[in-house]
Structures are given as C-alpha cells and as structure tokens.
Amino acid sequence: MSTFSSVQEVKQVSEFQKNLGAIRCKIKDLLATYGSPTKEALSEYRQRLGSQTSFAKAERTYDQFDREGRAFRSDNMNATDRRTHEKFYIPLIHPVTGKPCPLPEFGWRYTPESMREFLEKDLILFGNDESSVPRKKTLLGETTSSQLASIFKSGARGKISLDSLGLEFPFAHPIDLYTHIIDASTSLTSFVLDYFAGSGTKEHAVIKLNRQDGGARKFMMVEMAHYFDTVLLPRIKKVTFTPEWKDGKPKRMATAEEAESSPRLVKVIRLVSYEDALNNLAFDEKSGEKALELFKDEYLLRYMLRWETRRSETLLDVEKLQTPFSYKLRLHRDGETRERAVDLPETFNYRLGLDVQTRKTLDDNGRRYLVYRGNLRNARSVVVIWRETQGWTEEDYKHDRNFVAAHKLTEGVDEVFVNGDSFIPGAHALDALFKERMFAGVEA
C-alpha cells in the first residue's frame, strides 16, 4: 500500500508544557519568598497569570497553589444527576472542627473510594469550618473529566450549521452535542480520534471548544466516502478561518484570540486501495500477464511482487526516486483513470517511524531541496534530504555536497538519509531502505 498526502492549514502542538513549567517556577519562587500560599503570595501569583498573554484562558483558571507547589483550581464535586445509592451521601469530616460538612443536593460525583484517595493526596478543599460544602483541587496538568448527565436535551439541528457554511449533507448531529461530550471527556491537550468522520461535526466541535476554553486539543478523522473532499475538508477549512458563517459566506473575521486558538495545519493522508495498487502493476515479461490470468492473486502475492513487476509504481520504482516530487499513480475513479501525485517524502517518514520536528524547503538556483528533521523511536536524531538528481554529473553532486554543508543541513544529527547517490559525508541512500520498509512483509 502506498501513502500520499497534501498539506492544508492546521494547529500545531501548543506551548502548554512551556507554560506549565513557567507557572511551576513562579510558584516555587513565591514559596521561597513567602513560605506558604499567603494572601500576598496568591495575589502576586494571580497578577502574574493575568499578565501572561501566552497563557491560554484555561491555564489562567488555575489561580491557586498549595504548600506542595501544585497549581490548582477549585471545582465542585456535586453529582449532576440525583444519586440513588446511599454511598454517595457519606459526609466528609472537617479536619479542624471534627464535624461533618454539608452534602451536595444530589450527592457526591465520586465514589467513596475516590473520595478517600482525594483525601490521601490532599486534593479536598475544606472551608474555615464545617459550614461549607468541600470542593476538589483540580491540578494543572492532570487529565480530568466531568460526569455527564444521563439525559442531554437539545433542540438544535445539525443541518443548520452546514447550511450556514454553504455545504450540502443529508444529516448531521448538532455541534453542541459533541462539544458537551468532548468537554466532559477530554483534557486541554487531548487527542480526539474519529473513525467515522461523516460531515465533520466532531472536529467542528473540537475547534469550537478550543476557542471557548483556550485548549489545545487535536483531532484525527477517518473517512472513505466521496464527501470527504466536498463536505468534510471544506467544513474544516471554513470553520478554521472564522467561527461565524451565513449562506456560505463569512459573517465576520475571527478575532485575534479566536485565530490564536484555531488550527494551524491540517494534514490530509490518502491511502491507495488494493484495486489502485493492481492498476499500477506493470509486467517486465509477457509470461507474467499470462500467469496472473491463470493463477490470479495467489501468483501475484507470492511471485510477481518479487520479480516481474519490480519496476511498477505500486512497488516503488527506485529509479524514479531521482525525481521524487513528480512520482505518480494511476487511480480509477468514476469510470475514468487519472494520475495523482504521490508524496514520497511523507510516505518515507511514516515507514521510517520519524517523529518530524521541522520541515523546510530551500532553493538552489531552481533546484528544490526538501529537508525533514526529527527523531526515531530509539531516540536517534535524523535528517532526511530530498532533491531531484536526474541527469546529475559529478560536478552536480559536488555542488550538492557544498550546498548541504553551507546550510548546515546535517549538523548535530545521528543519521543522514538522502534520495539517490550523494557525496554528502556520512549520508545513507534511502532508496533500498524505503523499498524494504514498504514491502518486506509482502515479499517475504
């Protein structure tokens, strides 16, 4: 199976971890100065939170800290529906007065086992005496979730949202339904996986929720139907641009705050079907065509993938890696065959298991360079360099080596991969490895 992709605009990893570190450093300094979370310490801490424009709205809600240096916000522990079991009505004893505290009207949200764990970890907030209902410390950085009510009532129609975007689709759930569910079941940095994306309502909800609470949730959606290109992808693009639409046109531009919480990058990955793979097989010998006619798929998988079709696009024609940016496959759609470009560099990254940190292009007097930097799962750092080498002479390869050195493209990494031949010191040709990773399991 081949993979090809195109790049659209979407959200990259937020600065949540950096902000978390900055908050913890500030708390540490305040505890060193004041000795405990005094009124003065908390006041200075909240001023710092409010002045940091890089902090998301949700991060600013964690406006308290305890003696252990943990930033937290105060949340209620009330059940959203009335509890029927008596175990949810066990009162908490105030640690100073020794008297029972009031119970929430519908009982506790959490089980007695969870409440005991909260007490052991000092995650329960008591008032000055037993007159107030205890609350919970929700720590900054922990994965939290809210309890959903048994019944969610909404009169909204999901079709209205699509109509406002100027998109046609027979049925869609209301956005607020998924906003409610995702808000209750994710943290600010969760990853939402949707195997049946449909019209993209869940992804729309993730974008909307991030704008509401300053979160940095990401999503991955899967869809095989034709409306991926006619409804799903256009919807994500439009909602990313601005939140308000009417009759297919934007009602206003996104505010600076909304734009900051919007996606930055959307990567589209298309998988080639088995039928498309067969359509791109080419035989070196007439005998191969006859054998396929007689023995069908068994002969194909056992023998032909090894030899007779070795130069087919499906099986990665290594010679064509000299022109990696123009590699194409023939796809049969709607009764006709058309060619579509394949993104070989992205495909190689996936087969290599590369966690890409940076991607950049360079121009050398009309020669295009595409350079990826990242890490493998064994923590080794890697740079992958792609360029078109068809027709190159020895002088071209020397110039290539000097260009790479001048731009320090291989500096500070453990391994260097390039397509085709090269004079680059320490570089490995990726061609054979690429083919091996693509088809080792099939050819074995």
Protein backbone atom coordinates (compact mmCIF):
# COMPACT_ATOMS: atom_id res chain seq x y z
CA MET A 1 0.00 0.00 0.00
CA SER A 2 1.28 3.47 -0.88
CA THR A 3 0.59 6.64 1.03
CA PHE A 4 0.38 10.12 -0.37
CA SER A 5 -0.57 13.37 1.34
CA SER A 6 -1.11 17.06 0.87
CA VAL A 7 -0.75 19.80 3.45
CA GLN A 8 -3.51 22.23 4.44
CA GLU A 9 -3.67 24.70 7.33
CA VAL A 10 -3.97 23.31 10.92
CA LYS A 11 -2.98 23.56 14.59
CA GLN A 12 0.47 22.51 15.77
CA VAL A 13 1.46 21.47 19.29
CA SER A 14 0.70 24.30 21.77
CA GLU A 15 3.03 25.84 24.33
CA PHE A 16 1.16 24.16 27.18
CA GLN A 17 4.20 22.34 28.58
CA LYS A 18 6.30 25.51 28.45
CA ASN A 19 3.59 27.49 30.24
CA LEU A 20 3.23 24.73 32.82
CA GLY A 21 6.95 24.98 33.56
CA ALA A 22 6.77 28.78 33.86
CA ILE A 23 3.85 28.53 36.31
CA ARG A 24 5.65 25.99 38.47
CA CYS A 25 8.82 28.13 38.54
CA LYS A 26 6.80 31.17 39.67
CA ILE A 27 5.12 29.16 42.43
CA LYS A 28 8.50 27.88 43.60
CA ASP A 29 9.82 31.45 43.86
CA LEU A 30 6.73 32.60 45.75
CA LEU A 31 7.01 29.76 48.27
CA ALA A 32 10.68 30.62 48.78
CA THR A 33 9.72 34.25 49.44
CA TYR A 34 6.53 33.88 51.50
CA GLY A 35 6.92 30.36 52.91
CA SER A 36 3.31 29.37 52.18
CA PRO A 37 0.39 30.35 49.90
CA THR A 38 -0.44 33.54 51.83
CA LYS A 39 -2.86 36.19 50.58
CA GLU A 40 0.08 38.23 49.34
CA ALA A 41 1.60 35.23 47.55
CA LEU A 42 -1.69 34.31 45.89
CA SER A 43 -2.29 37.93 44.86
CA GLU A 44 1.14 38.15 43.20
CA TYR A 45 0.61 34.78 41.54
CA ARG A 46 -2.75 35.83 40.07
CA GLN A 47 -1.28 39.08 38.79
CA ARG A 48 1.41 37.07 37.02
CA LEU A 49 -1.21 34.75 35.48
CA GLY A 50 -3.25 37.69 34.23
CA SER A 51 -0.26 39.44 32.67
CA GLN A 52 0.98 36.47 30.63
CA THR A 53 -0.58 36.78 27.19
CA SER A 54 0.97 33.47 26.12
CA PHE A 55 -1.13 31.61 28.74
CA ALA A 56 -4.39 30.14 27.50
CA LYS A 57 -7.66 31.13 29.16
CA ALA A 58 -7.99 27.69 30.67
CA GLU A 59 -4.49 27.86 32.19
CA ARG A 60 -5.40 31.13 33.93
CA THR A 61 -8.25 29.43 35.80
CA TYR A 62 -5.66 27.57 37.90
CA ASP A 63 -5.33 30.61 40.14
CA GLN A 64 -4.36 28.91 43.42
CA PHE A 65 -1.45 26.82 44.67
CA ASP A 66 -0.77 24.76 47.77
CA ARG A 67 2.22 24.21 50.06
CA GLU A 68 3.48 21.43 47.77
CA GLY A 69 3.79 23.93 44.91
CA ARG A 70 0.89 22.48 42.92
CA ALA A 71 -1.20 24.90 40.86
CA PHE A 72 -4.91 24.12 41.04
CA ARG A 73 -8.40 25.39 40.53
CA SER A 74 -11.35 24.82 42.84
CA ASP A 75 -14.08 22.57 41.38
CA ASN A 76 -17.30 21.32 42.92
CA MET A 77 -17.84 17.62 43.50
CA ASN A 78 -21.61 17.68 43.06
CA ALA A 79 -23.31 14.93 41.07
CA THR A 80 -25.16 16.27 38.02
CA ASP A 81 -28.00 13.75 38.47
CA ARG A 82 -29.54 12.74 41.77
CA ARG A 83 -27.69 9.73 43.18
CA THR A 84 -29.79 6.80 44.35
CA HIS A 85 -27.19 4.79 46.28
CA GLU A 86 -26.52 5.80 49.88
CA LYS A 87 -22.73 5.55 49.42
CA PHE A 88 -22.81 8.89 47.56
CA TYR A 89 -24.23 10.62 50.64
CA ILE A 90 -21.44 9.99 53.14
CA PRO A 91 -20.41 13.34 54.67
CA LEU A 92 -16.80 14.47 54.87
CA ILE A 93 -15.43 15.35 58.29
CA HIS A 94 -13.82 18.76 58.66
CA PRO A 95 -10.15 18.26 59.58
CA VAL A 96 -10.12 21.07 62.18
CA THR A 97 -13.55 21.09 63.82
CA GLY A 98 -14.09 17.33 63.52
CA LYS A 99 -17.70 17.91 62.46
CA PRO A 100 -19.45 16.66 59.28
CA CYS A 101 -19.67 19.06 56.34
CA PRO A 102 -22.86 19.62 54.31
CA LEU A 103 -23.62 17.28 51.41
CA PRO A 104 -24.36 18.36 47.82
CA GLU A 105 -28.07 18.23 46.98
CA PHE A 106 -27.68 15.33 44.50
CA GLY A 107 -24.87 13.59 46.38
CA TRP A 108 -21.19 13.30 45.56
CA ARG A 109 -19.99 12.93 41.99
CA TYR A 110 -17.28 10.47 43.06
CA THR A 111 -17.36 7.07 44.75
CA PRO A 112 -16.23 6.68 48.39
CA GLU A 113 -13.04 5.02 47.13
CA SER A 114 -12.20 8.06 45.01
CA MET A 115 -13.02 10.42 47.88
CA ARG A 116 -10.63 8.54 50.17
CA GLU A 117 -7.93 8.79 47.50
CA PHE A 118 -8.51 12.54 47.21
CA LEU A 119 -8.15 12.91 50.96
CA GLU A 120 -4.91 10.91 50.99
CA LYS A 121 -3.48 13.05 48.20
CA ASP A 122 -4.63 16.33 49.81
CA LEU A 123 -6.99 17.10 46.93
CA ILE A 124 -10.00 18.13 49.05
CA LEU A 125 -10.57 21.81 49.85
CA PHE A 126 -12.33 22.47 53.16
CA GLY A 127 -13.70 25.80 54.31
CA ASN A 128 -12.67 27.56 57.54
CA ASP A 129 -15.23 25.41 59.33
CA GLU A 130 -17.77 22.70 58.62
CA SER A 131 -20.45 25.07 57.28
CA SER A 132 -19.44 24.88 53.59
CA VAL A 133 -19.52 22.00 51.10
CA PRO A 134 -15.96 20.74 50.43
CA ARG A 135 -14.55 21.17 46.93
CA LYS A 136 -11.87 19.43 44.90
CA LYS A 137 -8.43 20.59 43.85
CA THR A 138 -8.08 20.06 40.10
CA LEU A 139 -4.35 20.17 39.48
CA LEU A 140 -2.88 21.91 36.47
CA GLY A 141 -1.56 19.29 34.06
CA GLU A 142 -3.64 16.34 35.22
CA THR A 143 -6.15 14.62 32.92
CA THR A 144 -9.59 15.39 34.25
CA SER A 145 -13.10 14.66 33.12
CA SER A 146 -16.60 15.69 34.10
CA GLN A 147 -19.51 13.41 34.76
CA LEU A 148 -22.17 13.51 32.06
CA ALA A 149 -25.83 13.76 32.86
CA SER A 150 -27.86 10.70 31.91
CA ILE A 151 -30.02 12.81 29.57
CA PHE A 152 -28.79 15.58 27.30
CA LYS A 153 -31.54 17.83 25.95
CA SER A 154 -31.06 19.93 22.84
CA GLY A 155 -33.42 21.28 20.23
CA ALA A 156 -30.61 22.22 17.86
CA ARG A 157 -30.46 20.92 14.29
CA GLY A 158 -27.05 19.98 12.97
CA LYS A 159 -28.16 20.67 9.39
CA ILE A 160 -28.36 24.39 10.20
CA SER A 161 -24.61 24.56 10.80
CA LEU A 162 -23.90 23.01 7.39
CA ASP A 163 -26.42 25.28 5.67
CA SER A 164 -24.70 28.35 7.10
CA LEU A 165 -21.39 27.08 5.71
CA GLY A 166 -22.97 26.58 2.28
CA LEU A 167 -22.44 22.80 2.38
CA GLU A 168 -24.92 20.08 1.41
CA PHE A 169 -25.24 16.93 3.51
CA PRO A 170 -28.36 14.86 4.24
CA PHE A 171 -27.96 14.66 8.02
CA ALA A 172 -25.70 15.96 10.78
CA HIS A 173 -25.77 15.94 14.58
CA PRO A 174 -25.83 19.29 16.41
CA ILE A 175 -22.39 20.69 17.26
CA ASP A 176 -23.37 21.35 20.88
CA LEU A 177 -23.94 17.63 21.46
CA TYR A 178 -20.31 16.81 20.69
CA THR A 179 -18.99 19.94 22.39
CA HIS A 180 -20.75 18.71 25.55
CA ILE A 181 -19.33 15.18 25.25
CA ILE A 182 -15.78 16.21 24.31
CA ASP A 183 -15.63 18.85 27.04
CA ALA A 184 -16.62 16.24 29.64
CA SER A 185 -14.27 13.52 28.45
CA THR A 186 -11.04 15.30 27.47
CA SER A 187 -8.30 17.43 28.95
CA LEU A 188 -7.00 20.61 27.35
CA THR A 189 -4.40 18.68 25.34
CA SER A 190 -6.32 15.50 24.48
CA PHE A 191 -6.29 13.80 21.07
CA VAL A 192 -9.75 13.08 19.64
CA LEU A 193 -9.88 10.13 17.22
CA ASP A 194 -12.92 9.82 14.94
CA TYR A 195 -13.08 6.68 12.78
CA PHE A 196 -16.31 7.73 11.05
CA ALA A 197 -15.95 11.45 10.43
CA GLY A 198 -19.03 11.93 8.23
CA SER A 199 -19.59 15.65 7.75
CA GLY A 200 -17.01 16.62 10.39
CA THR A 201 -19.30 17.65 13.27
CA LYS A 202 -17.00 16.24 15.96
CA GLU A 203 -13.98 18.03 14.51
CA HIS A 204 -16.01 21.24 14.29
CA ALA A 205 -16.82 20.77 17.98
CA VAL A 206 -13.13 20.36 18.89
CA ILE A 207 -12.27 23.63 17.15
CA LYS A 208 -15.17 25.41 18.83
CA LEU A 209 -14.27 24.05 22.27
CA ASN A 210 -10.61 25.08 21.92
CA ARG A 211 -11.77 28.61 21.16
CA GLN A 212 -14.00 28.60 24.22
CA ASP A 213 -11.56 27.34 26.83
CA GLY A 214 -8.17 28.03 25.22
CA GLY A 215 -7.43 24.32 24.91
CA ALA A 216 -5.00 22.67 22.52
CA ARG A 217 -6.93 19.51 21.66
CA LYS A 218 -6.05 17.85 18.35
CA PHE A 219 -8.09 15.51 16.20
CA MET A 220 -7.61 12.73 13.68
CA MET A 221 -10.52 11.82 11.42
CA VAL A 222 -11.04 8.93 9.02
CA GLU A 223 -13.48 8.92 6.12
CA MET A 224 -13.62 6.94 2.86
CA ALA A 225 -16.70 8.43 1.15
CA HIS A 226 -16.58 10.98 -1.69
CA TYR A 227 -17.90 13.76 0.56
CA PHE A 228 -14.51 13.93 2.27
CA ASP A 229 -13.49 16.39 -0.45
CA THR A 230 -16.90 18.05 -0.98
CA VAL A 231 -18.11 18.49 2.61
CA LEU A 232 -15.71 17.33 5.33
CA LEU A 233 -12.49 19.08 4.28
CA PRO A 234 -14.22 22.32 3.15
CA ARG A 235 -16.02 22.45 6.51
CA ILE A 236 -12.78 22.20 8.49
CA LYS A 237 -11.17 24.90 6.33
CA LYS A 238 -14.11 27.26 6.71
CA VAL A 239 -14.51 26.80 10.47
CA THR A 240 -10.77 27.29 10.88
CA PHE A 241 -10.98 30.62 9.03
CA THR A 242 -13.76 32.10 11.15
CA PRO A 243 -16.47 30.74 13.50
CA GLU A 244 -19.46 32.61 12.03
CA TRP A 245 -20.91 31.97 8.55
CA LYS A 246 -24.15 32.68 6.70
CA ASP A 247 -25.20 31.29 3.32
CA GLY A 248 -21.67 30.05 2.65
CA LYS A 249 -20.02 33.42 3.35
CA PRO A 250 -18.15 34.58 6.47
CA LYS A 251 -20.17 36.99 8.64
CA ARG A 252 -17.01 38.40 10.20
CA MET A 253 -13.32 37.81 10.57
CA ALA A 254 -12.04 35.77 13.50
CA THR A 255 -10.83 37.82 16.44
CA ALA A 256 -7.14 37.68 17.37
CA GLU A 257 -8.00 35.41 20.31
CA GLU A 258 -10.11 33.09 18.12
CA ALA A 259 -7.37 32.93 15.50
CA GLU A 260 -4.83 32.02 18.18
CA SER A 261 -6.98 29.07 19.27
CA SER A 262 -7.71 27.93 15.71
CA PRO A 263 -5.97 25.15 13.80
CA ARG A 264 -2.73 25.98 12.05
CA LEU A 265 -2.18 22.93 9.89
CA VAL A 266 -4.37 20.08 8.62
CA LYS A 267 -2.56 17.16 7.05
CA VAL A 268 -4.57 15.04 4.61
CA ILE A 269 -3.38 11.46 4.11
CA ARG A 270 -4.89 9.33 1.37
CA LEU A 271 -4.37 5.56 1.32
CA VAL A 272 -4.20 3.78 -2.00
CA SER A 273 -6.69 0.92 -2.30
CA TYR A 274 -5.79 -2.64 -3.26
CA GLU A 275 -7.53 -2.12 -6.60
CA ASP A 276 -5.46 1.00 -7.27
CA ALA A 277 -2.31 -0.94 -6.43
CA LEU A 278 -3.20 -3.61 -9.02
CA ASN A 279 -3.93 -0.94 -11.62
CA ASN A 280 -0.37 0.31 -11.27
CA LEU A 281 1.36 -3.01 -11.82
CA ALA A 282 3.39 -3.29 -14.99
CA PHE A 283 4.94 -6.54 -16.26
CA ASP A 284 8.50 -6.92 -17.44
CA GLU A 285 7.60 -10.07 -19.33
CA LYS A 286 4.52 -11.35 -21.17
CA SER A 287 4.69 -14.54 -19.14
CA GLY A 288 3.75 -12.56 -16.06
CA GLU A 289 0.50 -11.41 -17.63
CA LYS A 290 -0.38 -14.99 -18.58
CA ALA A 291 0.43 -16.29 -15.10
CA LEU A 292 -1.77 -13.68 -13.45
CA GLU A 293 -4.59 -14.69 -15.80
CA LEU A 294 -4.28 -18.33 -14.73
CA PHE A 295 -3.47 -18.09 -11.02
CA LYS A 296 -4.88 -14.69 -10.01
CA ASP A 297 -3.96 -13.15 -6.66
CA GLU A 298 -2.02 -16.14 -5.30
CA TYR A 299 0.58 -15.83 -8.04
CA LEU A 300 0.63 -12.07 -7.66
CA LEU A 301 1.39 -12.07 -3.94
CA ARG A 302 3.80 -14.99 -3.92
CA TYR A 303 5.90 -14.39 -7.01
CA MET A 304 5.17 -11.32 -9.11
CA LEU A 305 5.83 -8.80 -6.34
CA ARG A 306 9.34 -10.17 -6.15
CA TRP A 307 10.33 -10.02 -9.83
CA GLU A 308 8.03 -9.50 -12.80
CA THR A 309 6.57 -6.21 -11.52
CA ARG A 310 9.63 -4.84 -9.78
CA ARG A 311 9.60 -1.61 -11.84
CA SER A 312 5.93 -0.79 -11.18
CA GLU A 313 4.93 2.43 -9.42
CA THR A 314 2.95 0.39 -6.90
CA LEU A 315 6.13 -1.36 -5.82
CA LEU A 316 8.18 1.83 -5.68
CA ASP A 317 10.28 2.08 -8.82
CA VAL A 318 13.61 3.00 -7.21
CA GLU A 319 14.94 4.59 -10.40
CA LYS A 320 12.16 7.17 -10.24
CA LEU A 321 13.34 8.34 -6.82
CA GLN A 322 15.68 10.58 -8.80
CA THR A 323 12.56 12.74 -9.37
CA PRO A 324 10.72 12.29 -6.04
CA PHE A 325 8.43 15.32 -6.40
CA SER A 326 6.78 14.05 -9.61
CA TYR A 327 6.05 10.42 -8.67
CA LYS A 328 2.50 9.48 -9.74
CA LEU A 329 -0.01 6.64 -9.55
CA ARG A 330 -2.94 5.94 -11.82
CA LEU A 331 -6.27 5.95 -9.95
CA HIS A 332 -9.56 4.71 -11.37
CA ARG A 333 -12.49 6.86 -10.24
CA ASP A 334 -16.00 7.37 -11.64
CA GLY A 335 -15.35 5.30 -14.75
CA GLU A 336 -12.14 7.04 -15.73
CA THR A 337 -8.44 6.72 -14.93
CA ARG A 338 -6.49 9.74 -13.80
CA GLU A 339 -2.98 10.32 -12.47
CA ARG A 340 -2.37 11.64 -8.99
CA ALA A 341 0.89 12.79 -7.43
CA VAL A 342 2.24 10.71 -4.54
CA ASP A 343 4.01 12.39 -1.64
CA LEU A 344 7.03 10.10 -1.35
CA PRO A 345 8.84 12.15 1.34
CA GLU A 346 5.85 11.97 3.70
CA THR A 347 5.41 8.28 2.97
CA PHE A 348 9.06 7.60 3.80
CA ASN A 349 8.72 9.43 7.11
CA TYR A 350 5.89 7.13 8.12
CA ARG A 351 7.71 3.98 7.04
CA LEU A 352 10.84 5.12 8.88
CA GLY A 353 8.86 5.93 12.02
CA LEU A 354 10.15 9.50 12.03
CA ASP A 355 8.68 11.94 14.54
CA VAL A 356 9.09 15.08 12.43
CA GLN A 357 10.20 18.18 14.32
CA THR A 358 10.85 20.53 11.40
CA ARG A 359 10.14 20.59 7.66
CA LYS A 360 11.64 23.19 5.35
CA THR A 361 12.28 23.79 1.68
CA LEU A 362 15.29 25.51 0.14
CA ASP A 363 16.01 26.72 -3.37
CA ASP A 364 19.42 26.43 -5.02
CA ASN A 365 19.07 28.36 -8.28
CA GLY A 366 15.99 26.43 -9.30
CA ARG A 367 16.90 23.18 -7.54
CA ARG A 368 14.41 22.34 -4.82
CA TYR A 369 15.51 20.82 -1.51
CA LEU A 370 13.04 19.35 0.98
CA VAL A 371 14.55 18.69 4.40
CA TYR A 372 12.98 16.92 7.38
CA ARG A 373 14.46 16.76 10.88
CA GLY A 374 13.15 14.56 13.65
CA ASN A 375 13.69 11.60 15.95
CA LEU A 376 13.23 7.87 15.60
CA ARG A 377 11.60 5.73 18.26
CA ASN A 378 15.05 4.75 19.53
CA ALA A 379 15.69 8.47 20.21
CA ARG A 380 18.27 8.82 17.43
CA SER A 381 18.09 12.15 15.61
CA VAL A 382 17.69 12.04 11.84
CA VAL A 383 17.71 14.40 8.88
CA VAL A 384 16.16 13.35 5.56
CA ILE A 385 17.13 15.32 2.45
CA TRP A 386 15.19 15.12 -0.82
CA ARG A 387 16.22 16.69 -4.14
CA GLU A 388 15.84 15.91 -7.85
CA THR A 389 19.04 14.27 -9.14
CA GLN A 390 18.04 13.11 -12.60
CA GLY A 391 20.81 13.87 -15.09
CA TRP A 392 23.29 14.99 -12.46
CA THR A 393 27.00 14.87 -13.22
CA GLU A 394 29.90 14.57 -10.80
CA GLU A 395 30.06 18.36 -10.59
CA ASP A 396 26.39 18.47 -9.59
CA TYR A 397 26.98 16.06 -6.74
CA LYS A 398 29.97 18.12 -5.55
CA HIS A 399 27.83 21.25 -5.65
CA ASP A 400 25.14 19.36 -3.75
CA ARG A 401 27.64 18.41 -1.03
CA ASN A 402 28.81 22.02 -0.70
CA PHE A 403 25.24 23.35 -0.59
CA VAL A 404 24.29 20.98 2.21
CA ALA A 405 27.44 21.92 4.15
CA ALA A 406 26.92 25.65 3.66
CA HIS A 407 23.38 25.46 5.05
CA LYS A 408 24.45 23.09 7.86
CA LEU A 409 21.62 20.71 6.94
CA THR A 410 23.24 17.66 8.57
CA GLU A 411 24.65 19.39 11.63
CA GLY A 412 24.02 17.77 15.02
CA VAL A 413 22.18 14.60 13.94
CA ASP A 414 22.95 10.91 14.35
CA GLU A 415 21.86 9.76 10.88
CA VAL A 416 21.51 11.35 7.44
CA PHE A 417 19.33 9.93 4.65
CA VAL A 418 19.21 11.23 1.06
CA ASN A 419 17.43 10.02 -2.04
CA GLY A 420 19.79 8.64 -4.67
CA ASP A 421 23.57 8.99 -4.74
CA SER A 422 25.47 11.73 -2.95
CA PHE A 423 28.89 12.99 -1.88
CA ILE A 424 27.44 14.21 1.43
CA PRO A 425 29.71 12.92 4.26
CA GLY A 426 28.05 10.20 6.34
CA ALA A 427 24.84 10.18 4.28
CA HIS A 428 22.99 6.95 3.51
CA ALA A 429 20.94 6.41 0.34
CA LEU A 430 17.35 5.87 1.44
CA ASP A 431 16.18 4.10 -1.76
CA ALA A 432 16.77 0.49 -0.75
CA LEU A 433 15.58 1.08 2.83
CA PHE A 434 12.40 2.75 1.54
CA LYS A 435 11.52 -0.25 -0.65
CA GLU A 436 12.37 -2.68 2.13
CA ARG A 437 10.13 -0.90 4.62
CA MET A 438 7.29 -0.67 2.15
CA PHE A 439 7.13 -4.31 1.06
CA ALA A 440 9.25 -6.54 3.30
CA GLY A 441 6.11 -8.12 4.77
CA VAL A 442 4.58 -8.82 1.35
CA GLU A 443 7.67 -10.17 -0.36
CA ALA A 444 8.68 -12.49 2.50
